[in-house]
């Protein structure tokens, strides 16, 4: 009987703690006012009148890879102009990250829970709507796929591409030491 309860808990704990993560994140993100850099990423996407204008604007303004701003471009042009949707999108990404860590990370349950509710995963990659969470999501998916790397070569290639589009500064002025 005790073994059955333990097995049941082992199966449902990722879902329980993901729901707790989501509820706490919703409470925090509801009260989070967007910072200048978050709004700037939204404006680069929403104020661009075309894809070429978007590429010009992102090269001139951010210095970050295109993926996050391109997603914001698509949302602002084809779904809604409301900037608050950026928070919802980011919350979905961070909740996915939390679930994948809780479900697939090779650590014990306590370490996984501490990791998900740590400062970086719970605040930096969840509440602050920046491009970093896409890179973290790609890293976690890569780690999950790498377990069977020879069966997942093509998906790993796509994940590596999106990983590169998530967090690396591409503007040369950020790479110089002067």
N, C-alpha and C. Protein backbone atom coordinates (compact mmCIF):
# COMPACT_ATOMS: atom_id res chain seq x y z
N UNK A 1 0.83 -1.21 0.00
CA UNK A 1 0.00 0.00 0.00
C UNK A 1 0.87 1.26 0.00
N UNK A 2 1.90 1.27 0.84
CA UNK A 2 2.77 2.43 0.92
C UNK A 2 3.54 2.62 -0.38
N UNK A 3 3.93 1.53 -1.00
CA UNK A 3 4.65 1.62 -2.26
C UNK A 3 3.76 2.21 -3.35
N UNK A 4 2.48 1.90 -3.34
CA UNK A 4 1.55 2.44 -4.32
C UNK A 4 1.43 3.95 -4.17
N UNK A 5 1.35 4.45 -2.95
CA UNK A 5 1.26 5.90 -2.72
C UNK A 5 2.53 6.60 -3.17
N UNK A 6 3.66 5.98 -2.92
CA UNK A 6 4.94 6.55 -3.34
C UNK A 6 5.04 6.59 -4.87
N UNK A 7 4.59 5.54 -5.53
CA UNK A 7 4.61 5.52 -6.99
C UNK A 7 3.66 6.55 -7.58
N UNK A 8 2.50 6.71 -6.96
CA UNK A 8 1.54 7.71 -7.42
C UNK A 8 2.13 9.11 -7.27
N UNK A 9 2.75 9.38 -6.12
CA UNK A 9 3.36 10.69 -5.91
C UNK A 9 4.48 10.94 -6.91
N UNK A 10 5.29 9.92 -7.19
CA UNK A 10 6.37 10.07 -8.16
C UNK A 10 5.85 10.44 -9.54
N UNK A 11 4.66 9.96 -9.88
CA UNK A 11 4.09 10.27 -11.19
C UNK A 11 3.43 11.65 -11.24
N UNK A 12 2.85 12.09 -10.13
CA UNK A 12 2.09 13.34 -10.18
C UNK A 12 2.84 14.55 -9.63
N UNK A 13 3.96 14.36 -8.95
CA UNK A 13 4.62 15.52 -8.35
C UNK A 13 5.07 16.56 -9.38
N UNK A 14 5.52 16.17 -10.61
CA UNK A 14 5.87 17.23 -11.57
C UNK A 14 4.67 18.12 -11.91
N UNK A 15 3.50 17.53 -11.98
CA UNK A 15 2.30 18.29 -12.30
C UNK A 15 1.89 19.19 -11.13
N UNK A 16 2.00 18.66 -9.92
CA UNK A 16 1.63 19.44 -8.73
C UNK A 16 2.53 20.67 -8.61
N UNK A 17 3.84 20.47 -8.71
CA UNK A 17 4.75 21.59 -8.53
C UNK A 17 4.77 22.53 -9.74
N UNK A 18 4.40 22.03 -10.91
CA UNK A 18 4.24 22.92 -12.06
C UNK A 18 3.04 23.83 -11.86
N UNK A 19 1.97 23.31 -11.32
CA UNK A 19 0.79 24.12 -11.03
C UNK A 19 1.10 25.16 -9.96
N UNK A 20 1.83 24.76 -8.93
CA UNK A 20 2.25 25.72 -7.89
C UNK A 20 3.13 26.80 -8.51
N UNK A 21 4.07 26.40 -9.36
CA UNK A 21 4.93 27.35 -10.05
C UNK A 21 4.09 28.33 -10.88
N UNK A 22 3.13 27.81 -11.60
CA UNK A 22 2.28 28.65 -12.46
C UNK A 22 1.46 29.63 -11.63
N UNK A 23 0.88 29.17 -10.55
CA UNK A 23 0.06 30.06 -9.70
C UNK A 23 0.91 31.17 -9.11
N UNK A 24 2.05 30.83 -8.55
CA UNK A 24 2.92 31.85 -7.97
C UNK A 24 3.45 32.81 -9.04
N UNK A 25 3.76 32.29 -10.21
CA UNK A 25 4.24 33.14 -11.29
C UNK A 25 3.16 34.10 -11.78
N UNK A 26 1.93 33.62 -11.86
CA UNK A 26 0.82 34.49 -12.27
C UNK A 26 0.66 35.63 -11.27
N UNK A 27 0.76 35.32 -9.98
CA UNK A 27 0.65 36.38 -8.96
C UNK A 27 1.76 37.41 -9.10
N UNK A 28 2.97 36.96 -9.36
CA UNK A 28 4.09 37.89 -9.51
C UNK A 28 4.04 38.65 -10.83
N UNK A 29 3.72 37.98 -11.89
CA UNK A 29 3.73 38.63 -13.20
C UNK A 29 2.58 39.63 -13.33
N UNK A 30 1.50 39.39 -12.63
CA UNK A 30 0.37 40.33 -12.64
C UNK A 30 0.80 41.68 -12.07
N UNK A 31 1.65 41.65 -11.07
CA UNK A 31 2.12 42.89 -10.44
C UNK A 31 3.43 43.42 -11.01
N UNK A 32 3.98 42.73 -11.98
CA UNK A 32 5.24 43.15 -12.58
C UNK A 32 4.99 44.20 -13.66
N UNK A 33 5.58 45.37 -13.48
CA UNK A 33 5.51 46.38 -14.53
C UNK A 33 6.67 46.15 -15.48
N UNK A 34 6.37 46.23 -16.75
CA UNK A 34 7.39 45.95 -17.76
C UNK A 34 8.53 46.96 -17.67
N UNK A 35 9.72 46.46 -17.79
CA UNK A 35 10.90 47.31 -17.75
C UNK A 35 11.19 47.85 -19.15
N UNK A 36 12.06 48.83 -19.22
CA UNK A 36 12.38 49.48 -20.48
C UNK A 36 12.87 48.49 -21.53
N UNK A 37 13.75 47.57 -21.16
CA UNK A 37 14.28 46.62 -22.13
C UNK A 37 13.23 45.62 -22.61
N UNK A 38 12.26 45.31 -21.75
CA UNK A 38 11.17 44.43 -22.17
C UNK A 38 10.28 45.13 -23.19
N UNK A 39 9.96 46.39 -22.89
CA UNK A 39 9.12 47.17 -23.80
C UNK A 39 9.83 47.42 -25.12
N UNK A 40 11.13 47.63 -25.06
CA UNK A 40 11.90 47.89 -26.28
C UNK A 40 11.82 46.70 -27.23
N UNK A 41 11.93 45.49 -26.69
CA UNK A 41 11.81 44.30 -27.55
C UNK A 41 10.43 44.23 -28.18
N UNK A 42 9.40 44.56 -27.43
CA UNK A 42 8.04 44.56 -27.96
C UNK A 42 7.90 45.62 -29.06
N UNK A 43 8.44 46.80 -28.81
CA UNK A 43 8.31 47.89 -29.78
C UNK A 43 9.03 47.60 -31.09
N UNK A 44 10.19 46.95 -31.01
CA UNK A 44 10.91 46.59 -32.24
C UNK A 44 10.03 45.71 -33.10
N UNK A 45 9.33 44.77 -32.49
CA UNK A 45 8.44 43.90 -33.25
C UNK A 45 7.16 44.57 -33.68
N UNK A 46 6.51 45.27 -32.78
CA UNK A 46 5.19 45.82 -33.08
C UNK A 46 5.22 47.05 -33.97
N UNK A 47 6.29 47.84 -33.89
CA UNK A 47 6.35 49.06 -34.68
C UNK A 47 6.98 48.87 -36.05
N UNK A 48 7.49 47.70 -36.33
CA UNK A 48 8.05 47.42 -37.66
C UNK A 48 6.90 47.16 -38.62
N UNK A 49 6.93 47.82 -39.78
CA UNK A 49 5.80 47.69 -40.71
C UNK A 49 5.94 46.50 -41.65
N UNK A 50 7.14 45.91 -41.71
CA UNK A 50 7.36 44.76 -42.58
C UNK A 50 8.54 43.95 -42.03
N UNK A 51 8.75 42.79 -42.59
CA UNK A 51 9.88 41.95 -42.17
C UNK A 51 11.21 42.64 -42.43
N UNK A 52 11.44 43.24 -43.61
CA UNK A 52 12.71 43.95 -43.80
C UNK A 52 12.90 45.11 -42.81
N UNK A 53 11.81 45.81 -42.51
CA UNK A 53 11.90 46.88 -41.52
C UNK A 53 12.20 46.31 -40.14
N UNK A 54 11.62 45.16 -39.84
CA UNK A 54 11.89 44.49 -38.58
C UNK A 54 13.38 44.12 -38.46
N UNK A 55 13.94 43.55 -39.52
CA UNK A 55 15.36 43.15 -39.50
C UNK A 55 16.25 44.37 -39.32
N UNK A 56 15.92 45.45 -40.01
CA UNK A 56 16.69 46.68 -39.86
C UNK A 56 16.59 47.21 -38.43
N UNK A 57 15.38 47.22 -37.89
CA UNK A 57 15.17 47.75 -36.54
C UNK A 57 15.86 46.92 -35.47
N UNK A 58 15.84 45.60 -35.61
CA UNK A 58 16.47 44.77 -34.58
C UNK A 58 17.99 44.87 -34.65
N UNK A 59 18.52 44.98 -35.83
CA UNK A 59 19.97 45.16 -35.95
C UNK A 59 20.41 46.49 -35.36
N UNK A 60 19.60 47.49 -35.55
CA UNK A 60 19.95 48.84 -35.10
C UNK A 60 19.73 49.02 -33.60
N UNK A 61 18.77 48.30 -33.01
CA UNK A 61 18.36 48.60 -31.65
C UNK A 61 18.82 47.63 -30.57
N UNK A 62 18.69 46.34 -30.79
CA UNK A 62 18.84 45.41 -29.67
C UNK A 62 20.18 44.71 -29.58
N UNK A 63 20.68 44.20 -30.66
CA UNK A 63 21.90 43.43 -30.61
C UNK A 63 21.69 42.00 -30.17
N UNK A 64 20.45 41.61 -29.95
CA UNK A 64 20.13 40.24 -29.57
C UNK A 64 19.69 39.45 -30.79
N UNK A 65 19.70 38.12 -30.70
CA UNK A 65 19.19 37.30 -31.80
C UNK A 65 17.73 37.64 -32.10
N UNK A 66 17.30 37.19 -33.25
CA UNK A 66 16.00 37.63 -33.77
C UNK A 66 14.79 36.88 -33.23
N UNK A 67 14.95 35.71 -32.67
CA UNK A 67 13.81 34.84 -32.40
C UNK A 67 12.77 35.47 -31.49
N UNK A 68 13.16 35.98 -30.33
CA UNK A 68 12.20 36.54 -29.38
C UNK A 68 11.47 37.73 -30.01
N UNK A 69 12.20 38.63 -30.62
CA UNK A 69 11.56 39.79 -31.23
C UNK A 69 10.70 39.39 -32.43
N UNK A 70 11.12 38.36 -33.16
CA UNK A 70 10.31 37.90 -34.29
C UNK A 70 9.00 37.29 -33.80
N UNK A 71 9.04 36.55 -32.71
CA UNK A 71 7.80 36.02 -32.12
C UNK A 71 6.90 37.18 -31.70
N UNK A 72 7.49 38.21 -31.08
CA UNK A 72 6.71 39.38 -30.68
C UNK A 72 6.16 40.12 -31.91
N UNK A 73 6.95 40.15 -32.99
CA UNK A 73 6.48 40.75 -34.24
C UNK A 73 5.23 40.01 -34.73
N UNK A 74 5.30 38.69 -34.77
CA UNK A 74 4.16 37.90 -35.25
C UNK A 74 2.93 38.09 -34.36
N UNK A 75 3.14 38.09 -33.06
CA UNK A 75 2.01 38.27 -32.14
C UNK A 75 1.39 39.66 -32.31
N UNK A 76 2.23 40.68 -32.37
CA UNK A 76 1.70 42.04 -32.43
C UNK A 76 1.05 42.36 -33.78
N UNK A 77 1.44 41.66 -34.83
CA UNK A 77 0.85 41.94 -36.13
C UNK A 77 -0.33 41.04 -36.48
N UNK A 78 -0.37 39.84 -35.91
CA UNK A 78 -1.40 38.89 -36.33
C UNK A 78 -2.33 38.43 -35.21
N UNK A 79 -2.01 38.73 -33.95
CA UNK A 79 -2.88 38.28 -32.87
C UNK A 79 -3.46 39.46 -32.10
N UNK A 80 -2.60 40.26 -31.48
CA UNK A 80 -3.09 41.40 -30.70
C UNK A 80 -1.99 42.45 -30.57
N UNK A 81 -2.39 43.66 -30.37
CA UNK A 81 -1.45 44.76 -30.13
C UNK A 81 -1.22 44.99 -28.63
N UNK A 82 -1.90 44.23 -27.79
CA UNK A 82 -1.78 44.39 -26.34
C UNK A 82 -0.44 43.83 -25.85
N UNK A 83 0.36 44.68 -25.24
CA UNK A 83 1.69 44.29 -24.79
C UNK A 83 1.65 43.26 -23.66
N UNK A 84 0.54 43.18 -22.95
CA UNK A 84 0.41 42.22 -21.85
C UNK A 84 0.48 40.77 -22.32
N UNK A 85 0.20 40.53 -23.59
CA UNK A 85 0.28 39.17 -24.11
C UNK A 85 1.72 38.66 -24.09
N UNK A 86 2.68 39.57 -24.09
CA UNK A 86 4.08 39.18 -23.98
C UNK A 86 4.33 38.48 -22.64
N UNK A 87 3.69 38.97 -21.59
CA UNK A 87 3.83 38.32 -20.27
C UNK A 87 3.25 36.91 -20.30
N UNK A 88 2.11 36.75 -20.95
CA UNK A 88 1.46 35.44 -21.02
C UNK A 88 2.33 34.45 -21.80
N UNK A 89 2.86 34.90 -22.93
CA UNK A 89 3.75 34.06 -23.72
C UNK A 89 4.97 33.64 -22.90
N UNK A 90 5.56 34.58 -22.23
CA UNK A 90 6.74 34.30 -21.43
C UNK A 90 6.41 33.35 -20.28
N UNK A 91 5.24 33.52 -19.70
CA UNK A 91 4.80 32.63 -18.62
C UNK A 91 4.60 31.20 -19.14
N UNK A 92 4.09 31.05 -20.34
CA UNK A 92 3.94 29.71 -20.92
C UNK A 92 5.30 29.05 -21.14
N UNK A 93 6.26 29.84 -21.62
CA UNK A 93 7.61 29.30 -21.83
C UNK A 93 8.23 28.88 -20.51
N UNK A 94 8.15 29.74 -19.49
CA UNK A 94 8.77 29.43 -18.20
C UNK A 94 8.08 28.26 -17.50
N UNK A 95 6.78 28.14 -17.65
CA UNK A 95 6.07 27.01 -17.05
C UNK A 95 6.47 25.71 -17.75
N UNK A 96 6.67 25.76 -19.04
CA UNK A 96 7.17 24.59 -19.77
C UNK A 96 8.55 24.20 -19.28
N UNK A 97 9.40 25.19 -19.05
CA UNK A 97 10.74 24.93 -18.52
C UNK A 97 10.62 24.24 -17.16
N UNK A 98 9.78 24.77 -16.29
CA UNK A 98 9.61 24.18 -14.95
C UNK A 98 9.14 22.74 -15.04
N UNK A 99 8.16 22.48 -15.90
CA UNK A 99 7.66 21.11 -16.04
C UNK A 99 8.74 20.17 -16.55
N UNK A 100 9.48 20.59 -17.56
CA UNK A 100 10.52 19.72 -18.12
C UNK A 100 11.61 19.42 -17.11
N UNK A 101 11.98 20.40 -16.30
CA UNK A 101 12.97 20.15 -15.25
C UNK A 101 12.42 19.16 -14.24
N UNK A 102 11.19 19.38 -13.79
CA UNK A 102 10.61 18.50 -12.78
C UNK A 102 10.40 17.08 -13.32
N UNK A 103 10.11 16.96 -14.57
CA UNK A 103 9.81 15.65 -15.15
C UNK A 103 11.07 14.89 -15.59
N UNK A 104 12.06 15.59 -16.17
CA UNK A 104 13.15 14.89 -16.84
C UNK A 104 14.53 15.10 -16.25
N UNK A 105 14.73 16.06 -15.39
CA UNK A 105 16.08 16.31 -14.86
C UNK A 105 16.57 15.09 -14.07
N UNK A 106 17.87 14.78 -14.17
CA UNK A 106 18.39 13.58 -13.51
C UNK A 106 18.78 13.80 -12.04
N UNK A 107 18.05 14.64 -11.35
CA UNK A 107 18.34 14.93 -9.95
C UNK A 107 17.22 14.38 -9.09
N UNK A 108 17.44 14.39 -7.77
CA UNK A 108 16.35 13.95 -6.90
C UNK A 108 15.27 15.03 -6.85
N UNK A 109 14.11 14.66 -6.34
CA UNK A 109 12.95 15.57 -6.34
C UNK A 109 13.23 16.88 -5.62
N UNK A 110 13.91 16.83 -4.51
CA UNK A 110 14.18 18.03 -3.72
C UNK A 110 15.05 19.02 -4.51
N UNK A 111 16.07 18.52 -5.17
CA UNK A 111 16.95 19.38 -5.97
C UNK A 111 16.19 19.98 -7.14
N UNK A 112 15.34 19.19 -7.79
CA UNK A 112 14.54 19.71 -8.91
C UNK A 112 13.62 20.83 -8.45
N UNK A 113 12.98 20.64 -7.32
CA UNK A 113 12.07 21.67 -6.80
C UNK A 113 12.84 22.92 -6.43
N UNK A 114 13.99 22.75 -5.77
CA UNK A 114 14.83 23.92 -5.45
C UNK A 114 15.28 24.64 -6.71
N UNK A 115 15.61 23.87 -7.73
CA UNK A 115 16.06 24.47 -8.99
C UNK A 115 14.95 25.28 -9.65
N UNK A 116 13.76 24.72 -9.71
CA UNK A 116 12.63 25.41 -10.35
C UNK A 116 12.25 26.69 -9.60
N UNK A 117 12.35 26.67 -8.28
CA UNK A 117 11.97 27.84 -7.49
C UNK A 117 13.17 28.70 -7.10
N UNK A 118 14.30 28.51 -7.77
CA UNK A 118 15.46 29.35 -7.51
C UNK A 118 15.26 30.72 -8.15
N UNK A 119 16.13 31.64 -7.80
CA UNK A 119 16.00 33.01 -8.29
C UNK A 119 15.96 33.08 -9.81
N UNK A 120 16.91 32.43 -10.46
CA UNK A 120 16.98 32.57 -11.91
C UNK A 120 15.80 31.94 -12.62
N UNK A 121 15.46 30.70 -12.27
CA UNK A 121 14.36 30.05 -12.96
C UNK A 121 13.01 30.65 -12.58
N UNK A 122 12.87 31.06 -11.33
CA UNK A 122 11.56 31.56 -10.90
C UNK A 122 11.36 33.03 -11.18
N UNK A 123 12.42 33.83 -11.18
CA UNK A 123 12.24 35.26 -11.41
C UNK A 123 12.82 35.71 -12.75
N UNK A 124 14.10 35.52 -12.94
CA UNK A 124 14.75 36.01 -14.16
C UNK A 124 14.17 35.37 -15.42
N UNK A 125 13.96 34.06 -15.41
CA UNK A 125 13.48 33.37 -16.60
C UNK A 125 11.97 33.19 -16.62
N UNK A 126 11.28 33.71 -15.63
CA UNK A 126 9.83 33.55 -15.57
C UNK A 126 9.10 34.89 -15.58
N UNK A 127 9.50 35.78 -14.73
CA UNK A 127 8.75 37.03 -14.56
C UNK A 127 9.24 38.11 -15.53
N UNK A 128 10.53 38.22 -15.72
CA UNK A 128 11.09 39.24 -16.61
C UNK A 128 10.99 38.71 -18.05
N UNK A 129 10.26 39.39 -18.88
CA UNK A 129 9.97 38.94 -20.24
C UNK A 129 11.10 39.33 -21.19
N UNK A 130 12.12 38.51 -21.23
CA UNK A 130 13.27 38.74 -22.11
C UNK A 130 13.51 37.49 -22.94
N UNK A 131 14.47 37.55 -23.82
CA UNK A 131 14.73 36.44 -24.74
C UNK A 131 15.45 35.27 -24.08
N UNK A 132 15.89 35.42 -22.85
CA UNK A 132 16.71 34.39 -22.22
C UNK A 132 15.96 33.08 -22.01
N UNK A 133 14.68 33.14 -21.74
CA UNK A 133 13.94 31.91 -21.46
C UNK A 133 13.86 30.99 -22.67
N UNK A 134 13.87 31.56 -23.87
CA UNK A 134 13.86 30.71 -25.07
C UNK A 134 15.15 29.90 -25.14
N UNK A 135 16.27 30.53 -24.83
CA UNK A 135 17.54 29.82 -24.81
C UNK A 135 17.58 28.74 -23.75
N UNK A 136 17.04 29.04 -22.56
CA UNK A 136 17.00 28.05 -21.48
C UNK A 136 16.10 26.88 -21.87
N UNK A 137 14.96 27.18 -22.48
CA UNK A 137 14.07 26.11 -22.94
C UNK A 137 14.78 25.23 -23.97
N UNK A 138 15.50 25.84 -24.88
CA UNK A 138 16.24 25.06 -25.88
C UNK A 138 17.32 24.20 -25.24
N UNK A 139 18.01 24.73 -24.24
CA UNK A 139 19.04 23.95 -23.54
C UNK A 139 18.43 22.73 -22.86
N UNK A 140 17.30 22.92 -22.22
CA UNK A 140 16.65 21.81 -21.51
C UNK A 140 16.13 20.77 -22.50
N UNK A 141 15.54 21.22 -23.59
CA UNK A 141 15.08 20.27 -24.60
C UNK A 141 16.27 19.52 -25.20
N UNK A 142 17.37 20.23 -25.43
CA UNK A 142 18.59 19.58 -25.93
C UNK A 142 19.03 18.47 -24.97
N UNK A 143 19.06 18.77 -23.68
CA UNK A 143 19.49 17.76 -22.70
C UNK A 143 18.57 16.55 -22.70
N UNK A 144 17.28 16.77 -22.87
CA UNK A 144 16.33 15.65 -22.91
C UNK A 144 16.56 14.82 -24.17
N UNK A 145 16.74 15.48 -25.30
CA UNK A 145 16.94 14.77 -26.57
C UNK A 145 18.30 14.07 -26.63
N UNK A 146 19.29 14.64 -25.97
CA UNK A 146 20.65 14.11 -26.06
C UNK A 146 20.78 12.73 -25.41
N UNK A 147 19.83 12.39 -24.57
CA UNK A 147 19.84 11.08 -23.94
C UNK A 147 19.84 9.97 -25.00
N UNK A 148 19.10 10.19 -26.09
CA UNK A 148 19.07 9.26 -27.24
C UNK A 148 19.55 10.01 -28.48
N UNK A 149 20.77 10.49 -28.42
CA UNK A 149 21.27 11.42 -29.44
C UNK A 149 21.27 10.85 -30.85
N UNK A 150 21.50 9.57 -31.01
CA UNK A 150 21.57 9.01 -32.36
C UNK A 150 20.19 8.85 -32.99
N UNK A 151 19.17 8.77 -32.19
CA UNK A 151 17.80 8.72 -32.70
C UNK A 151 17.24 10.11 -32.94
N UNK A 152 17.84 11.13 -32.34
CA UNK A 152 17.29 12.49 -32.36
C UNK A 152 18.21 13.50 -33.04
N UNK A 153 18.96 13.10 -34.03
CA UNK A 153 19.93 14.00 -34.65
C UNK A 153 19.27 15.24 -35.27
N UNK A 154 18.22 15.05 -36.02
CA UNK A 154 17.57 16.19 -36.68
C UNK A 154 16.88 17.09 -35.66
N UNK A 155 16.10 16.55 -34.71
CA UNK A 155 15.53 17.45 -33.69
C UNK A 155 16.61 18.18 -32.88
N UNK A 156 17.72 17.52 -32.60
CA UNK A 156 18.81 18.19 -31.88
C UNK A 156 19.37 19.33 -32.72
N UNK A 157 19.48 19.14 -34.03
CA UNK A 157 19.95 20.22 -34.90
C UNK A 157 19.03 21.43 -34.86
N UNK A 158 17.71 21.21 -34.90
CA UNK A 158 16.76 22.31 -34.80
C UNK A 158 16.86 23.01 -33.44
N UNK A 159 16.98 22.22 -32.40
CA UNK A 159 17.08 22.80 -31.05
C UNK A 159 18.35 23.64 -30.93
N UNK A 160 19.46 23.16 -31.48
CA UNK A 160 20.70 23.94 -31.43
C UNK A 160 20.56 25.25 -32.20
N UNK A 161 19.86 25.22 -33.32
CA UNK A 161 19.61 26.46 -34.06
C UNK A 161 18.82 27.44 -33.21
N UNK A 162 17.73 26.97 -32.60
CA UNK A 162 16.91 27.86 -31.77
C UNK A 162 17.65 28.30 -30.51
N UNK A 163 18.53 27.45 -30.01
CA UNK A 163 19.34 27.82 -28.86
C UNK A 163 20.22 29.02 -29.21
N UNK A 164 20.79 28.97 -30.38
CA UNK A 164 21.63 30.07 -30.83
C UNK A 164 20.85 31.34 -31.09
N UNK A 165 19.59 31.20 -31.42
CA UNK A 165 18.75 32.37 -31.66
C UNK A 165 18.09 32.90 -30.38
N UNK A 166 18.39 32.28 -29.27
CA UNK A 166 17.74 32.68 -28.04
C UNK A 166 18.48 33.67 -27.19
N UNK A 167 19.81 33.57 -27.07
CA UNK A 167 20.46 34.37 -26.04
C UNK A 167 21.79 35.00 -26.40
N UNK A 168 22.34 34.79 -27.55
CA UNK A 168 23.67 35.31 -27.85
C UNK A 168 23.56 36.70 -28.47
N UNK A 169 24.35 37.64 -27.98
CA UNK A 169 24.37 38.97 -28.58
C UNK A 169 25.05 38.89 -29.94
N UNK A 170 24.41 39.45 -30.95
CA UNK A 170 24.96 39.40 -32.31
C UNK A 170 25.55 40.73 -32.76
N UNK A 171 25.30 41.77 -32.02
CA UNK A 171 25.79 43.08 -32.41
C UNK A 171 27.28 43.17 -32.11
N UNK A 172 28.13 43.48 -33.10
CA UNK A 172 29.57 43.49 -32.89
C UNK A 172 30.04 44.44 -31.79
N UNK A 173 29.30 45.53 -31.54
CA UNK A 173 29.74 46.47 -30.53
C UNK A 173 29.71 45.85 -29.12
N UNK A 174 28.91 44.79 -28.94
CA UNK A 174 28.86 44.13 -27.64
C UNK A 174 30.02 43.15 -27.46
N UNK A 175 30.71 42.81 -28.54
CA UNK A 175 31.79 41.83 -28.49
C UNK A 175 33.16 42.49 -28.29
N UNK A 176 33.26 43.78 -28.46
CA UNK A 176 34.56 44.45 -28.34
C UNK A 176 34.84 44.83 -26.90
N UNK A 177 36.10 44.91 -26.57
CA UNK A 177 36.49 45.26 -25.21
C UNK A 177 36.71 46.76 -25.03
N UNK A 178 36.74 47.51 -26.10
CA UNK A 178 37.02 48.94 -25.99
C UNK A 178 35.77 49.73 -25.75
